[in-house]
Amino acid sequence: MTQWWNSAYNDVIIQLPQSIVDCLKHRIQNTKIRGKKCDLNEESENLKRLFERELTTYNNKKQCMKMNNKRYEERLQELLEEKEKEYATEIKGLQVEYTSKTMSLELQLEEMHKTLEQRDKFITKQMMSLKKYMACDITCFTFQVQQAVCEGKRKVCIKHALIRHKKKHKAHNNACLTTLWFSKQAGGV
């Protein structure tokens, strides 16, 4: 019995926490102090059962802790995956939002560019009309000077000059109204 006790003691003692080992050593020492062989055997059986019970409890707790740790690790992994998915979804949402904003700004820029090109063309036309109008004024002034010189052609030339002059003034007035319309449109942009 003592031999079993020593080998069992050595095998099991390694696995138990120190507080349990100290408690068991104390009980063994108390049993030996009594010196009764039958009590020692009875105590030995009691200690064997106590060891087995403590070892079972310890192993159960150890197994329970392992299972809890495993569950915690799995749950932690699930939470990490959820957070990664949320992060990926948020990033995609931001990408879509900023892409749409960028496209919107690009469209606005294109519209503004087209508007500026139209204005530029219109201003160029107006400048050409203005140059023609100024040329008309110079021509009319020159013609008036020439009237004094050329009395014979005066009636035909004056009539022709007045018709041409009225047409140019009408074109100039239309151009001014168009410019006014474009400036109002630009104010709305």
C-alpha atoms as a PDB file:
ATOM      1  CA  MET A   1       0.000   0.000   0.000  1.00  0.00           C
ATOM      2  CA  THR A   2       2.808   2.390   0.790  1.00  0.00           C
ATOM      3  CA  GLN A   3       4.423   1.692  -2.544  1.00  0.00           C
ATOM      4  CA  TRP A   4       1.204   2.536  -4.361  1.00  0.00           C
ATOM      5  CA  TRP A   5       0.921   5.623  -2.292  1.00  0.00           C
ATOM      6  CA  ASN A   6       4.384   6.881  -3.203  1.00  0.00           C
ATOM      7  CA  SER A   7       3.965   6.344  -6.970  1.00  0.00           C
ATOM      8  CA  ALA A   8       0.419   7.723  -6.976  1.00  0.00           C
ATOM      9  CA  TYR A   9       1.534  10.597  -4.832  1.00  0.00           C
ATOM     10  CA  ASN A  10       4.394  11.458  -7.178  1.00  0.00           C
ATOM     11  CA  ASP A  11       2.203  11.182 -10.304  1.00  0.00           C
ATOM     12  CA  VAL A  12      -0.655  13.219  -8.967  1.00  0.00           C
ATOM     13  CA  ILE A  13       1.256  15.740  -6.891  1.00  0.00           C
ATOM     14  CA  ILE A  14       2.792  17.243 -10.009  1.00  0.00           C
ATOM     15  CA  GLN A  15      -0.656  18.121 -11.417  1.00  0.00           C
ATOM     16  CA  LEU A  16      -2.215  19.676  -8.290  1.00  0.00           C
ATOM     17  CA  PRO A  17      -1.980  23.280  -7.159  1.00  0.00           C
ATOM     18  CA  GLN A  18       0.415  23.955  -4.289  1.00  0.00           C
ATOM     19  CA  SER A  19      -2.321  24.809  -1.755  1.00  0.00           C
ATOM     20  CA  ILE A  20      -3.943  21.365  -2.172  1.00  0.00           C
ATOM     21  CA  VAL A  21      -0.557  19.641  -1.965  1.00  0.00           C
ATOM     22  CA  ASP A  22       0.258  21.443   1.281  1.00  0.00           C
ATOM     23  CA  CYS A  23      -3.110  20.472   2.763  1.00  0.00           C
ATOM     24  CA  LEU A  24      -2.625  16.804   1.828  1.00  0.00           C
ATOM     25  CA  LYS A  25       0.940  16.700   3.183  1.00  0.00           C
ATOM     26  CA  HIS A  26      -0.314  18.065   6.454  1.00  0.00           C
ATOM     27  CA  ARG A  27      -2.976  15.325   6.683  1.00  0.00           C
ATOM     28  CA  ILE A  28      -0.383  12.642   5.888  1.00  0.00           C
ATOM     29  CA  GLN A  29       1.946  13.954   8.568  1.00  0.00           C
ATOM     30  CA  ASN A  30      -0.879  13.948  11.092  1.00  0.00           C
ATOM     31  CA  THR A  31      -1.671  10.337  10.184  1.00  0.00           C
ATOM     32  CA  LYS A  32       1.950   9.226  10.614  1.00  0.00           C
ATOM     33  CA  ILE A  33       2.214  10.951  13.930  1.00  0.00           C
ATOM     34  CA  ARG A  34      -0.619   8.861  15.273  1.00  0.00           C
ATOM     35  CA  GLY A  35       1.418   5.775  14.389  1.00  0.00           C
ATOM     36  CA  LYS A  36      -1.501   3.415  14.037  1.00  0.00           C
ATOM     37  CA  LYS A  37      -1.043   1.137  11.070  1.00  0.00           C
ATOM     38  CA  CYS A  38      -4.742   0.455  10.470  1.00  0.00           C
ATOM     39  CA  ASP A  39      -5.508   4.146  10.751  1.00  0.00           C
ATOM     40  CA  LEU A  40      -2.753   4.786   8.250  1.00  0.00           C
ATOM     41  CA  ASN A  41      -4.319   2.312   5.817  1.00  0.00           C
ATOM     42  CA  GLU A  42      -7.735   3.814   6.367  1.00  0.00           C
ATOM     43  CA  GLU A  43      -6.271   7.259   5.996  1.00  0.00           C
ATOM     44  CA  SER A  44      -4.401   6.032   2.938  1.00  0.00           C
ATOM     45  CA  GLU A  45      -7.684   4.949   1.327  1.00  0.00           C
ATOM     46  CA  ASN A  46      -9.282   8.200   2.394  1.00  0.00           C
ATOM     47  CA  LEU A  47      -6.357  10.132   0.985  1.00  0.00           C
ATOM     48  CA  LYS A  48      -6.525   8.119  -2.227  1.00  0.00           C
ATOM     49  CA  ARG A  49     -10.180   9.061  -2.622  1.00  0.00           C
ATOM     50  CA  LEU A  50      -9.428  12.630  -1.638  1.00  0.00           C
ATOM     51  CA  PHE A  51      -6.627  12.791  -4.196  1.00  0.00           C
ATOM     52  CA  GLU A  52      -8.875  11.363  -6.879  1.00  0.00           C
ATOM     53  CA  ARG A  53     -11.659  13.753  -5.991  1.00  0.00           C
ATOM     54  CA  GLU A  54      -9.343  16.769  -5.902  1.00  0.00           C
ATOM     55  CA  LEU A  55      -7.660  15.689  -9.111  1.00  0.00           C
ATOM     56  CA  THR A  56     -11.033  15.220 -10.810  1.00  0.00           C
ATOM     57  CA  THR A  57     -12.196  18.623  -9.586  1.00  0.00           C
ATOM     58  CA  TYR A  58      -8.965  20.214 -10.710  1.00  0.00           C
ATOM     59  CA  ASN A  59      -9.114  18.521 -14.120  1.00  0.00           C
ATOM     60  CA  ASN A  60     -12.768  19.533 -14.513  1.00  0.00           C
ATOM     61  CA  LYS A  61     -11.936  23.133 -13.684  1.00  0.00           C
ATOM     62  CA  LYS A  62      -8.981  23.008 -16.022  1.00  0.00           C
ATOM     63  CA  GLN A  63     -11.138  21.569 -18.817  1.00  0.00           C
ATOM     64  CA  CYS A  64     -13.838  24.150 -18.124  1.00  0.00           C
ATOM     65  CA  MET A  65     -11.276  26.944 -18.319  1.00  0.00           C
ATOM     66  CA  LYS A  66      -9.970  25.559 -21.607  1.00  0.00           C
ATOM     67  CA  MET A  67     -13.489  25.444 -23.011  1.00  0.00           C
ATOM     68  CA  ASN A  68     -14.192  28.975 -21.787  1.00  0.00           C
ATOM     69  CA  ASN A  69     -10.941  30.204 -23.287  1.00  0.00           C
ATOM     70  CA  LYS A  70     -11.812  28.495 -26.555  1.00  0.00           C
ATOM     71  CA  ARG A  71     -15.269  30.104 -26.562  1.00  0.00           C
ATOM     72  CA  TYR A  72     -13.770  33.485 -25.732  1.00  0.00           C
ATOM     73  CA  GLU A  73     -11.259  33.123 -28.560  1.00  0.00           C
ATOM     74  CA  GLU A  74     -14.018  32.139 -30.994  1.00  0.00           C
ATOM     75  CA  ARG A  75     -16.185  35.045 -29.882  1.00  0.00           C
ATOM     76  CA  LEU A  76     -13.244  37.419 -30.135  1.00  0.00           C
ATOM     77  CA  GLN A  77     -12.551  36.152 -33.652  1.00  0.00           C
ATOM     78  CA  GLU A  78     -16.227  36.658 -34.576  1.00  0.00           C
ATOM     79  CA  LEU A  79     -16.150  40.195 -33.197  1.00  0.00           C
ATOM     80  CA  LEU A  80     -12.971  40.961 -35.115  1.00  0.00           C
ATOM     81  CA  GLU A  81     -14.531  39.645 -38.328  1.00  0.00           C
ATOM     82  CA  GLU A  82     -17.675  41.720 -37.724  1.00  0.00           C
ATOM     83  CA  LYS A  83     -15.590  44.847 -37.146  1.00  0.00           C
ATOM     84  CA  GLU A  84     -13.566  44.151 -40.297  1.00  0.00           C
ATOM     85  CA  LYS A  85     -16.802  43.776 -42.291  1.00  0.00           C
ATOM     86  CA  GLU A  86     -18.197  46.992 -40.816  1.00  0.00           C
ATOM     87  CA  TYR A  87     -14.930  48.765 -41.597  1.00  0.00           C
ATOM     88  CA  ALA A  88     -14.928  47.430 -45.172  1.00  0.00           C
ATOM     89  CA  THR A  89     -18.579  48.476 -45.614  1.00  0.00           C
ATOM     90  CA  GLU A  90     -17.839  51.934 -44.243  1.00  0.00           C
ATOM     91  CA  ILE A  91     -14.815  52.308 -46.539  1.00  0.00           C
ATOM     92  CA  LYS A  92     -16.882  51.236 -49.566  1.00  0.00           C
ATOM     93  CA  GLY A  93     -19.613  53.694 -48.598  1.00  0.00           C
ATOM     94  CA  LEU A  94     -17.094  56.518 -48.324  1.00  0.00           C
ATOM     95  CA  GLN A  95     -15.540  55.546 -51.650  1.00  0.00           C
ATOM     96  CA  VAL A  96     -18.947  55.603 -53.334  1.00  0.00           C
ATOM     97  CA  GLU A  97     -19.839  58.912 -51.698  1.00  0.00           C
ATOM     98  CA  TYR A  98     -16.586  60.605 -52.664  1.00  0.00           C
ATOM     99  CA  THR A  99     -16.664  59.107 -56.150  1.00  0.00           C
ATOM    100  CA  SER A 100     -20.150  60.516 -56.698  1.00  0.00           C
ATOM    101  CA  LYS A 101     -19.084  63.892 -55.300  1.00  0.00           C
ATOM    102  CA  THR A 102     -16.046  63.889 -57.586  1.00  0.00           C
ATOM    103  CA  MET A 103     -18.164  63.007 -60.598  1.00  0.00           C
ATOM    104  CA  SER A 104     -20.658  65.717 -59.667  1.00  0.00           C
ATOM    105  CA  LEU A 105     -17.880  68.280 -59.400  1.00  0.00           C
ATOM    106  CA  GLU A 106     -16.432  67.119 -62.720  1.00  0.00           C
ATOM    107  CA  LEU A 107     -19.842  67.563 -64.373  1.00  0.00           C
ATOM    108  CA  GLN A 108     -20.194  71.018 -62.857  1.00  0.00           C
ATOM    109  CA  LEU A 109     -16.718  71.887 -64.095  1.00  0.00           C
ATOM    110  CA  GLU A 110     -17.579  70.685 -67.604  1.00  0.00           C
ATOM    111  CA  GLU A 111     -20.806  72.719 -67.580  1.00  0.00           C
ATOM    112  CA  MET A 112     -18.937  75.806 -66.426  1.00  0.00           C
ATOM    113  CA  HIS A 113     -16.316  75.218 -69.118  1.00  0.00           C
ATOM    114  CA  LYS A 114     -19.031  74.950 -71.796  1.00  0.00           C
ATOM    115  CA  THR A 115     -20.704  78.094 -70.488  1.00  0.00           C
ATOM    116  CA  LEU A 116     -17.401  79.956 -70.572  1.00  0.00           C
ATOM    117  CA  GLU A 117     -16.744  78.763 -74.123  1.00  0.00           C
ATOM    118  CA  GLN A 118     -20.212  79.968 -75.171  1.00  0.00           C
ATOM    119  CA  ARG A 119     -19.594  83.321 -73.521  1.00  0.00           C
ATOM    120  CA  ASP A 120     -16.214  83.563 -75.188  1.00  0.00           C
ATOM    121  CA  LYS A 121     -17.767  82.861 -78.596  1.00  0.00           C
ATOM    122  CA  PHE A 122     -20.539  85.333 -77.919  1.00  0.00           C
ATOM    123  CA  ILE A 123     -18.098  88.035 -76.819  1.00  0.00           C
ATOM    124  CA  THR A 124     -16.002  87.370 -79.904  1.00  0.00           C
ATOM    125  CA  LYS A 125     -19.110  87.805 -82.075  1.00  0.00           C
ATOM    126  CA  GLN A 126     -19.998  90.990 -80.208  1.00  0.00           C
ATOM    127  CA  MET A 127     -16.515  92.351 -80.718  1.00  0.00           C
ATOM    128  CA  MET A 128     -16.791  91.593 -84.414  1.00  0.00           C
ATOM    129  CA  SER A 129     -20.191  93.332 -84.535  1.00  0.00           C
ATOM    130  CA  LEU A 130     -18.764  96.252 -82.606  1.00  0.00           C
ATOM    131  CA  LYS A 131     -15.842  96.512 -85.001  1.00  0.00           C
ATOM    132  CA  LYS A 132     -18.278  96.434 -87.938  1.00  0.00           C
ATOM    133  CA  TYR A 133     -20.435  99.053 -86.218  1.00  0.00           C
ATOM    134  CA  MET A 134     -17.411 101.243 -85.607  1.00  0.00           C
ATOM    135  CA  ALA A 135     -16.380 100.721 -89.207  1.00  0.00           C
ATOM    136  CA  CYS A 136     -19.901 101.720 -90.211  1.00  0.00           C
ATOM    137  CA  ASP A 137     -19.632 104.905 -88.153  1.00  0.00           C
ATOM    138  CA  ILE A 138     -16.298 105.703 -89.745  1.00  0.00           C
ATOM    139  CA  THR A 139     -17.773 104.949 -93.160  1.00  0.00           C
ATOM    140  CA  CYS A 140     -20.794 107.160 -92.444  1.00  0.00           C
ATOM    141  CA  PHE A 141     -18.542 109.965 -91.234  1.00  0.00           C
ATOM    142  CA  THR A 142     -16.323 109.554 -94.270  1.00  0.00           C
ATOM    143  CA  PHE A 143     -19.412 109.450 -96.470  1.00  0.00           C
ATOM    144  CA  GLN A 144     -20.721 112.671 -94.934  1.00  0.00           C
ATOM    145  CA  VAL A 145     -17.408 114.307 -95.662  1.00  0.00           C
ATOM    146  CA  GLN A 146     -17.564 112.972 -99.184  1.00  0.00           C
ATOM    147  CA  GLN A 147     -21.129 114.298 -99.596  1.00  0.00           C
ATOM    148  CA  ALA A 148     -19.890 117.797 -99.777  1.00  0.00           C
ATOM    149  CA  VAL A 149     -17.471 116.785-102.512  1.00  0.00           C
ATOM    150  CA  CYS A 150     -19.875 114.648-104.547  1.00  0.00           C
ATOM    151  CA  GLU A 151     -23.226 116.475-104.843  1.00  0.00           C
ATOM    152  CA  GLY A 152     -24.419 114.510-107.839  1.00  0.00           C
ATOM    153  CA  LYS A 153     -24.408 111.091-106.190  1.00  0.00           C
ATOM    154  CA  ARG A 154     -25.644 112.435-102.888  1.00  0.00           C
ATOM    155  CA  LYS A 155     -29.246 111.218-102.920  1.00  0.00           C
ATOM    156  CA  VAL A 156     -28.456 107.658-103.983  1.00  0.00           C
ATOM    157  CA  CYS A 157     -25.508 107.359-101.634  1.00  0.00           C
ATOM    158  CA  ILE A 158     -27.341 108.822 -98.623  1.00  0.00           C
ATOM    159  CA  LYS A 159     -30.324 106.523 -99.095  1.00  0.00           C
ATOM    160  CA  HIS A 160     -28.106 103.478 -99.462  1.00  0.00           C
ATOM    161  CA  ALA A 161     -25.973 104.520 -96.490  1.00  0.00           C
ATOM    162  CA  LEU A 162     -28.996 105.074 -94.207  1.00  0.00           C
ATOM    163  CA  ILE A 163     -30.470 101.629 -94.951  1.00  0.00           C
ATOM    164  CA  ARG A 164     -27.144  99.944 -94.299  1.00  0.00           C
ATOM    165  CA  HIS A 165     -26.619 102.016 -91.160  1.00  0.00           C
ATOM    166  CA  LYS A 166     -30.068 101.071 -89.730  1.00  0.00           C
ATOM    167  CA  LYS A 167     -29.417  97.352 -90.316  1.00  0.00           C
ATOM    168  CA  LYS A 168     -26.116  97.549 -88.474  1.00  0.00           C
ATOM    169  CA  HIS A 169     -27.686  99.392 -85.548  1.00  0.00           C
ATOM    170  CA  LYS A 170     -30.410  96.745 -85.348  1.00  0.00           C
ATOM    171  CA  ALA A 171     -27.768  93.967 -85.290  1.00  0.00           C
ATOM    172  CA  HIS A 172     -25.878  95.841 -82.597  1.00  0.00           C
ATOM    173  CA  ASN A 173     -29.010  96.245 -80.430  1.00  0.00           C
ATOM    174  CA  ASN A 174     -29.800  92.526 -80.806  1.00  0.00           C
ATOM    175  CA  ALA A 175     -26.257  91.678 -79.731  1.00  0.00           C
ATOM    176  CA  CYS A 176     -26.607  93.886 -76.641  1.00  0.00           C
ATOM    177  CA  LEU A 177     -29.869  92.163 -75.680  1.00  0.00           C
ATOM    178  CA  THR A 178     -28.236  88.753 -76.119  1.00  0.00           C
ATOM    179  CA  THR A 179     -25.319  89.827 -73.920  1.00  0.00           C
ATOM    180  CA  LEU A 180     -27.762  90.959 -71.262  1.00  0.00           C
ATOM    181  CA  TRP A 181     -29.560  87.595 -71.431  1.00  0.00           C
ATOM    182  CA  PHE A 182     -26.263  85.664 -71.084  1.00  0.00           C
ATOM    183  CA  SER A 183     -25.180  87.787 -68.123  1.00  0.00           C
ATOM    184  CA  LYS A 184     -28.495  87.034 -66.358  1.00  0.00           C
ATOM    185  CA  GLN A 185     -28.000  83.322 -67.060  1.00  0.00           C
ATOM    186  CA  ALA A 186     -24.466  83.479 -65.687  1.00  0.00           C
ATOM    187  CA  GLY A 187     -25.752  85.143 -62.522  1.00  0.00           C
ATOM    188  CA  GLY A 188     -28.046  82.104 -61.960  1.00  0.00           C
ATOM    189  CA  VAL A 189     -25.066  79.685 -62.217  1.00  0.00           C
END
